[in-house]
């Protein structure tokens, strides 16, 4: 039986991936003052034993007001850096899986409550709230307090914060960085004409709307070691008429490609409450396919990828180079093992787990 493409190695800059399965960043809303807690050690620790090729830490605020909620992870001061370093140290005692971090700023979607507490915006004068900021003073929801439009000094502050977080990421030994420019957060707010109605050089044409996200990429790329990968996550369409669409995203991806971006993770939506998303298995894969046809860098597909045969088809046909799992791997942290068993491939488990290999899959585990 031929080796499934899903379980063949892949290289992103100098990052060697054992297979084509990566774990996407998933917010846990369990930090304290931006600092990771024991929950993150438990959560990320189990995923670091999953058999995937790369683990990505959740959306991590580059400034306190860049967090989605007051319970989000940050990497913006010595305390948040030390907390993340502690979690990494605990994981790396037992797993050699590469670990990336998603650096983020939530913009106008910040200052909200945790999802299981309703998820609504928290007012700036509340102890757990703050004044949000964005490309323009347009709220995400009519019920939200409008954000403050970032001026030139504010743009520099945010850009420098991304770079400073990249320096911290390098210092604690993270293997790669993903810049979050998707799901309606700050960099996506600059890219979309629905949220960016500026009249300066950062608004108007796509070239202008892409200017700040590209400046952030350049700043992070310069601040992070040159041998380590810097990637970007995008929302390829807003799923709203007049918003960001796949043609604009392809053009933006080409701009990133020319700047040396190491991979692009193609998601969608999140910018506007009136989005109409045609949910279904692999619903975002056509977006990844369109981007892949236009760029040289590797492309990551994500979105309701739940079945091993489905994931294999995505990479085997060349629609994308890598698949990313989020909710599927929360539901089944051993998804990669089960996929290898179904497709006739092998995975390397922690030696403590070698004895659990099922009798019907005698060649599943690499010793």
Protein backbone atom coordinates (compact mmCIF):
# COMPACT_ATOMS: atom_id res chain seq x y z
CA UNK A 1 0.00 0.00 0.00
CA UNK A 2 1.37 3.41 -1.00
CA UNK A 3 2.33 5.78 1.76
CA UNK A 4 -0.52 8.28 2.31
CA UNK A 5 0.55 11.81 1.40
CA UNK A 6 -0.92 12.98 4.72
CA UNK A 7 1.87 11.11 6.51
CA UNK A 8 4.79 12.22 4.36
CA UNK A 9 7.29 14.76 5.70
CA UNK A 10 7.13 18.43 4.77
CA UNK A 11 9.44 21.38 5.26
CA UNK A 12 8.52 24.98 6.04
CA UNK A 13 11.69 27.08 5.93
CA UNK A 14 13.92 25.13 8.35
CA UNK A 15 11.02 23.54 10.19
CA UNK A 16 10.84 19.81 9.55
CA UNK A 17 7.31 18.45 9.85
CA UNK A 18 6.87 14.69 10.29
CA UNK A 19 3.54 14.76 8.44
CA UNK A 20 0.99 17.17 6.94
CA UNK A 21 -1.22 17.49 10.05
CA UNK A 22 -0.94 20.62 12.19
CA UNK A 23 -2.97 21.72 15.19
CA UNK A 24 -4.55 25.12 14.70
CA UNK A 25 -4.60 27.72 17.49
CA UNK A 26 -7.66 27.43 19.74
CA UNK A 27 -8.46 29.98 22.43
CA UNK A 28 -8.94 28.51 25.91
CA UNK A 29 -9.97 31.66 27.82
CA UNK A 30 -8.10 30.34 30.84
CA UNK A 31 -5.24 32.80 31.34
CA UNK A 32 -4.79 35.10 34.34
CA UNK A 33 -3.66 38.65 33.52
CA UNK A 34 -2.38 37.32 30.18
CA UNK A 35 -0.38 34.56 31.87
CA UNK A 36 -0.74 30.91 30.93
CA UNK A 37 -1.93 28.62 33.72
CA UNK A 38 -1.84 24.92 34.53
CA UNK A 39 -4.81 24.51 32.18
CA UNK A 40 -2.53 25.36 29.26
CA UNK A 41 0.06 22.85 30.41
CA UNK A 42 -2.62 20.14 30.53
CA UNK A 43 -4.33 21.19 27.29
CA UNK A 44 -1.23 21.77 25.16
CA UNK A 45 0.60 18.89 26.80
CA UNK A 46 -1.93 16.32 25.64
CA UNK A 47 -1.97 17.80 22.13
CA UNK A 48 1.83 17.62 22.03
CA UNK A 49 1.44 13.84 22.31
CA UNK A 50 -1.16 13.65 19.53
CA UNK A 51 1.01 12.56 16.61
CA UNK A 52 0.47 15.79 14.66
CA UNK A 53 3.47 17.58 13.18
CA UNK A 54 3.08 21.04 14.74
CA UNK A 55 1.21 22.54 17.68
CA UNK A 56 0.17 26.21 17.56
CA UNK A 57 -0.51 28.15 20.74
CA UNK A 58 -3.78 30.06 20.77
CA UNK A 59 -4.25 33.71 19.72
CA UNK A 60 -1.75 35.52 21.92
CA UNK A 61 -2.19 39.23 22.52
CA UNK A 62 0.80 41.43 21.71
CA UNK A 63 -0.62 44.09 24.05
CA UNK A 64 -3.18 43.72 26.88
CA UNK A 65 -5.86 45.55 24.91
CA UNK A 66 -5.19 43.22 21.96
CA UNK A 67 -6.67 40.24 23.80
CA UNK A 68 -10.12 39.04 22.76
CA UNK A 69 -11.14 38.54 26.39
CA UNK A 70 -9.63 39.33 29.77
CA UNK A 71 -8.87 35.60 30.05
CA UNK A 72 -6.74 35.39 26.90
CA UNK A 73 -3.04 34.59 26.72
CA UNK A 74 -0.56 37.39 26.11
CA UNK A 75 3.14 37.71 25.35
CA UNK A 76 3.74 41.37 26.12
CA UNK A 77 5.68 41.60 29.38
CA UNK A 78 8.07 39.61 31.55
CA UNK A 79 5.28 37.90 33.49
CA UNK A 80 3.47 36.60 30.40
CA UNK A 81 6.78 35.50 28.88
CA UNK A 82 7.76 33.61 32.05
CA UNK A 83 4.37 31.89 32.23
CA UNK A 84 4.59 30.73 28.62
CA UNK A 85 8.20 29.61 29.13
CA UNK A 86 7.09 27.50 32.10
CA UNK A 87 4.41 25.75 30.03
CA UNK A 88 6.86 25.14 27.18
CA UNK A 89 9.42 23.72 29.57
CA UNK A 90 6.85 21.29 30.96
CA UNK A 91 5.77 20.12 27.51
CA UNK A 92 9.27 19.74 26.12
CA UNK A 93 10.31 17.38 28.89
CA UNK A 94 8.02 14.84 27.29
CA UNK A 95 7.48 15.86 23.65
CA UNK A 96 9.70 16.99 20.79
CA UNK A 97 6.80 18.28 18.70
CA UNK A 98 7.58 21.74 17.22
CA UNK A 99 5.53 24.51 18.81
CA UNK A 100 4.40 27.74 17.18
CA UNK A 101 2.55 30.74 18.56
CA UNK A 102 -0.15 32.84 16.93
CA UNK A 103 0.52 36.52 17.59
CA UNK A 104 -2.66 38.56 17.53
CA UNK A 105 -4.48 41.79 18.19
CA UNK A 106 -8.27 41.60 18.38
CA UNK A 107 -8.91 45.25 17.49
CA UNK A 108 -12.61 46.12 17.66
CA UNK A 109 -13.52 42.55 18.68
CA UNK A 110 -11.53 42.83 21.92
CA UNK A 111 -12.83 43.47 25.45
CA UNK A 112 -15.42 40.69 25.37
CA UNK A 113 -16.52 38.10 27.90
CA UNK A 114 -15.63 34.43 27.70
CA UNK A 115 -17.91 32.48 25.31
CA UNK A 116 -19.47 30.38 28.06
CA UNK A 117 -20.34 33.60 29.89
CA UNK A 118 -22.15 35.07 26.89
CA UNK A 119 -19.26 36.46 24.86
CA UNK A 120 -20.65 39.99 24.63
CA UNK A 121 -18.56 43.13 24.73
CA UNK A 122 -17.49 44.39 28.14
CA UNK A 123 -17.72 48.18 28.53
CA UNK A 124 -14.49 50.17 28.85
CA UNK A 125 -15.37 51.28 32.39
CA UNK A 126 -15.84 47.68 33.61
CA UNK A 127 -12.93 46.09 35.53
CA UNK A 128 -12.58 43.41 32.82
CA UNK A 129 -13.06 45.80 29.89
CA UNK A 130 -11.13 48.44 27.98
CA UNK A 131 -11.43 50.83 25.04
CA UNK A 132 -10.97 48.99 21.76
CA UNK A 133 -9.14 50.26 18.66
CA UNK A 134 -9.35 49.48 14.97
CA UNK A 135 -8.65 50.71 11.46
CA UNK A 136 -11.75 52.94 11.62
CA UNK A 137 -14.23 53.91 14.33
CA UNK A 138 -16.79 51.34 13.18
CA UNK A 139 -18.03 48.87 15.82
CA UNK A 140 -18.26 45.14 15.04
CA UNK A 141 -21.79 45.12 16.39
CA UNK A 142 -24.13 48.14 16.63
CA UNK A 143 -24.46 47.40 20.36
CA UNK A 144 -20.69 47.66 20.89
CA UNK A 145 -18.82 50.75 22.03
CA UNK A 146 -17.17 52.12 18.87
CA UNK A 147 -13.42 51.54 18.62
CA UNK A 148 -10.90 54.36 18.39
CA UNK A 149 -9.32 54.64 14.93
CA UNK A 150 -5.58 54.12 15.24
CA UNK A 151 -3.54 57.17 14.37
CA UNK A 152 0.05 57.06 13.10
CA UNK A 153 1.42 56.83 16.62
CA UNK A 154 -1.03 54.03 17.42
CA UNK A 155 -0.02 52.11 14.30
CA UNK A 156 3.61 52.34 15.30
CA UNK A 157 2.78 51.21 18.84
CA UNK A 158 0.94 48.11 17.61
CA UNK A 159 3.55 47.30 14.98
CA UNK A 160 6.33 47.58 17.54
CA UNK A 161 4.34 45.39 19.94
CA UNK A 162 4.15 42.59 17.36
CA UNK A 163 7.92 42.82 16.90
CA UNK A 164 8.55 42.85 20.67
CA UNK A 165 6.38 39.74 21.10
CA UNK A 166 8.36 38.06 18.33
CA UNK A 167 11.56 38.76 20.25
CA UNK A 168 10.02 37.19 23.36
CA UNK A 169 8.87 34.20 21.30
CA UNK A 170 12.40 33.67 20.06
CA UNK A 171 13.83 34.02 23.56
CA UNK A 172 11.70 31.18 24.94
CA UNK A 173 12.53 28.95 21.99
CA UNK A 174 9.30 28.86 20.00
CA UNK A 175 9.82 27.21 16.63
CA UNK A 176 7.63 29.44 14.44
CA UNK A 177 5.22 32.37 14.50
CA UNK A 178 1.82 32.69 12.88
CA UNK A 179 0.52 36.25 12.45
CA UNK A 180 -3.25 36.43 12.90
CA UNK A 181 -4.79 38.40 10.05
CA UNK A 182 -8.10 36.51 9.99
CA UNK A 183 -11.46 36.12 11.72
CA UNK A 184 -12.29 39.80 11.95
CA UNK A 185 -9.40 40.78 14.20
CA UNK A 186 -7.25 43.88 13.82
CA UNK A 187 -5.15 43.04 10.76
CA UNK A 188 -8.24 41.65 9.01
CA UNK A 189 -10.04 44.87 9.98
CA UNK A 190 -7.45 46.77 7.95
CA UNK A 191 -7.77 44.41 4.98
CA UNK A 192 -11.55 44.51 4.66
CA UNK A 193 -13.28 47.52 3.07
CA UNK A 194 -16.23 46.90 5.43
CA UNK A 195 -14.18 47.79 8.50
CA UNK A 196 -11.50 50.00 6.95
CA UNK A 197 -12.89 53.31 5.70
CA UNK A 198 -9.75 55.35 6.23
CA UNK A 199 -8.85 58.14 3.83
CA UNK A 200 -5.08 58.09 4.44
CA UNK A 201 -2.47 55.77 2.93
CA UNK A 202 -3.84 52.87 5.02
CA UNK A 203 -7.31 52.93 3.47
CA UNK A 204 -9.03 52.79 0.10
CA UNK A 205 -7.33 50.53 -2.43
CA UNK A 206 -6.27 46.99 -1.55
CA UNK A 207 -2.66 48.13 -1.75
CA UNK A 208 -3.39 50.71 0.95
CA UNK A 209 -5.55 48.40 3.09
CA UNK A 210 -2.80 45.77 2.99
CA UNK A 211 -0.12 48.27 3.98
CA UNK A 212 -0.39 47.89 7.76
CA UNK A 213 -0.66 44.07 7.80
CA UNK A 214 2.41 43.95 5.55
CA UNK A 215 4.28 46.35 7.85
CA UNK A 216 3.46 44.06 10.77
CA UNK A 217 4.71 41.05 8.82
CA UNK A 218 7.95 42.84 7.96
CA UNK A 219 8.46 43.87 11.60
CA UNK A 220 7.90 40.33 12.89
CA UNK A 221 10.06 38.81 10.17
CA UNK A 222 12.91 41.16 11.08
CA UNK A 223 12.55 40.52 14.82
CA UNK A 224 12.36 36.70 14.63
CA UNK A 225 15.44 34.56 13.82
CA UNK A 226 15.95 34.29 10.07
CA UNK A 227 16.12 30.50 10.15
CA UNK A 228 12.68 30.20 11.77
CA UNK A 229 9.33 30.34 9.96
CA UNK A 230 6.90 33.26 10.03
CA UNK A 231 3.47 32.45 8.58
CA UNK A 232 0.16 34.31 8.25
CA UNK A 233 -3.44 33.27 8.78
CA UNK A 234 -6.05 34.99 6.60
CA UNK A 235 -9.79 35.04 6.12
CA UNK A 236 -10.08 34.59 2.39
CA UNK A 237 -13.58 36.05 2.24
CA UNK A 238 -15.87 37.97 4.58
CA UNK A 239 -18.89 36.09 3.17
CA UNK A 240 -20.56 39.52 2.91
CA UNK A 241 -21.23 41.46 -0.28
CA UNK A 242 -18.77 44.32 -0.67
CA UNK A 243 -16.30 42.79 1.75
CA UNK A 244 -12.94 41.12 1.36
CA UNK A 245 -13.16 38.38 -1.26
CA UNK A 246 -10.99 35.62 -2.66
CA UNK A 247 -9.57 37.72 -5.49
CA UNK A 248 -8.32 40.35 -3.05
CA UNK A 249 -6.98 37.65 -0.75
CA UNK A 250 -5.06 36.04 -3.59
CA UNK A 251 -3.49 39.42 -4.36
CA UNK A 252 -2.62 39.90 -0.67
CA UNK A 253 -1.15 36.40 -0.53
CA UNK A 254 1.07 37.26 -3.50
CA UNK A 255 2.29 40.36 -1.63
CA UNK A 256 3.18 38.17 1.35
CA UNK A 257 4.84 35.63 -0.92
CA UNK A 258 7.08 38.30 -2.40
CA UNK A 259 8.08 39.38 1.13
CA UNK A 260 9.22 35.90 2.10
CA UNK A 261 6.23 34.62 4.05
CA UNK A 262 6.83 30.95 4.82
CA UNK A 263 3.24 29.68 4.63
CA UNK A 264 -0.32 30.95 4.52
CA UNK A 265 -3.18 29.45 6.50
CA UNK A 266 -6.47 29.99 4.63
CA UNK A 267 -9.59 30.40 6.76
CA UNK A 268 -12.59 32.72 6.28
CA UNK A 269 -15.21 34.92 7.92
CA UNK A 270 -15.39 36.50 11.34
CA UNK A 271 -15.47 40.15 10.30
CA UNK A 272 -19.17 40.95 10.03
CA UNK A 273 -22.24 39.71 11.94
CA UNK A 274 -24.22 39.42 8.69
CA UNK A 275 -21.85 36.87 7.16
CA UNK A 276 -23.53 33.97 5.41
CA UNK A 277 -21.16 31.01 5.57
CA UNK A 278 -22.04 27.88 3.54
CA UNK A 279 -20.92 25.45 6.23
CA UNK A 280 -20.12 21.90 5.17
CA UNK A 281 -17.18 19.47 5.07
CA UNK A 282 -14.10 21.11 3.48
CA UNK A 283 -16.11 24.29 2.78
CA UNK A 284 -12.96 26.44 2.86
CA UNK A 285 -10.78 24.15 0.75
CA UNK A 286 -11.71 25.88 -2.56
CA UNK A 287 -10.35 29.10 -1.03
CA UNK A 288 -7.06 27.37 -0.17
CA UNK A 289 -6.94 25.92 -3.68
CA UNK A 290 -7.31 29.36 -5.24
CA UNK A 291 -4.50 30.78 -3.10
CA UNK A 292 -2.24 27.81 -3.76
CA UNK A 293 -2.58 28.28 -7.50
CA UNK A 294 -1.20 31.82 -7.16
CA UNK A 295 1.71 31.52 -4.71
CA UNK A 296 4.92 29.59 -4.19
CA UNK A 297 4.73 29.32 -0.41
CA UNK A 298 3.01 26.35 1.27
CA UNK A 299 -0.73 26.61 1.86
CA UNK A 300 -2.62 25.29 4.89
CA UNK A 301 -6.30 24.32 4.60
CA UNK A 302 -8.69 24.35 7.56
CA UNK A 303 -12.41 24.17 8.25
CA UNK A 304 -14.61 21.16 9.04
CA UNK A 305 -11.86 18.72 8.16
CA UNK A 306 -12.83 15.78 10.33
CA UNK A 307 -12.22 12.53 8.44
CA UNK A 308 -8.85 10.95 7.55
CA UNK A 309 -9.84 10.17 3.95
CA UNK A 310 -11.06 13.76 3.56
CA UNK A 311 -7.73 15.14 4.84
CA UNK A 312 -5.76 12.78 2.62
CA UNK A 313 -7.72 13.89 -0.45
CA UNK A 314 -6.95 17.56 0.26
CA UNK A 315 -3.18 17.07 0.29
CA UNK A 316 -3.04 14.23 -2.24
CA UNK A 317 -4.84 16.27 -4.91
CA UNK A 318 -2.72 19.34 -4.21
CA UNK A 319 -5.54 21.56 -2.98
CA UNK A 320 -3.26 22.38 -0.04
CA UNK A 321 0.09 21.24 1.32
CA UNK A 322 -1.01 20.85 4.94
CA UNK A 323 -4.29 20.44 6.81
CA UNK A 324 -5.00 22.11 10.13
CA UNK A 325 -7.32 20.64 12.74
CA UNK A 326 -9.03 22.55 15.53
CA UNK A 327 -12.34 21.30 16.95
CA UNK A 328 -11.78 17.84 15.53
CA UNK A 329 -8.63 17.45 17.61
CA UNK A 330 -10.31 18.86 20.72
CA UNK A 331 -12.91 16.13 20.33
CA UNK A 332 -10.30 13.48 19.54
CA UNK A 333 -6.77 14.36 20.73
CA UNK A 334 -5.53 11.13 19.12
CA UNK A 335 -6.98 12.02 15.71
CA UNK A 336 -3.60 11.60 14.02
CA UNK A 337 -3.21 8.07 15.44
CA UNK A 338 -6.66 7.09 14.24
CA UNK A 339 -6.01 8.61 10.81
CA UNK A 340 -2.75 6.67 10.48
CA UNK A 341 -4.55 3.47 11.44
CA UNK A 342 -7.30 4.08 8.87
CA UNK A 343 -4.93 5.08 6.06
CA UNK A 344 -2.27 2.42 6.72
CA UNK A 345 0.44 4.81 7.91
CA UNK A 346 2.62 4.98 11.02
CA UNK A 347 2.99 7.41 13.91
CA UNK A 348 5.60 7.71 16.63
CA UNK A 349 4.00 7.74 20.08
CA UNK A 350 5.60 8.54 23.40
CA UNK A 351 7.31 5.35 24.62
CA UNK A 352 4.95 5.31 27.60
CA UNK A 353 2.12 4.59 25.16
CA UNK A 354 3.75 1.93 22.98
CA UNK A 355 1.92 -0.91 24.71
CA UNK A 356 -1.50 0.45 23.75
CA UNK A 357 -1.09 -0.38 20.05
CA UNK A 358 -4.24 -2.28 18.99
CA UNK A 359 -3.73 -5.83 17.86
CA UNK A 360 -5.44 -5.15 14.52
CA UNK A 361 -2.89 -2.40 13.72
CA UNK A 362 0.40 -4.16 14.43
CA UNK A 363 2.47 -1.75 12.35
CA UNK A 364 0.84 1.48 13.52
CA UNK A 365 3.51 2.59 15.97
CA UNK A 366 7.09 3.42 15.17
CA UNK A 367 9.26 2.33 18.08
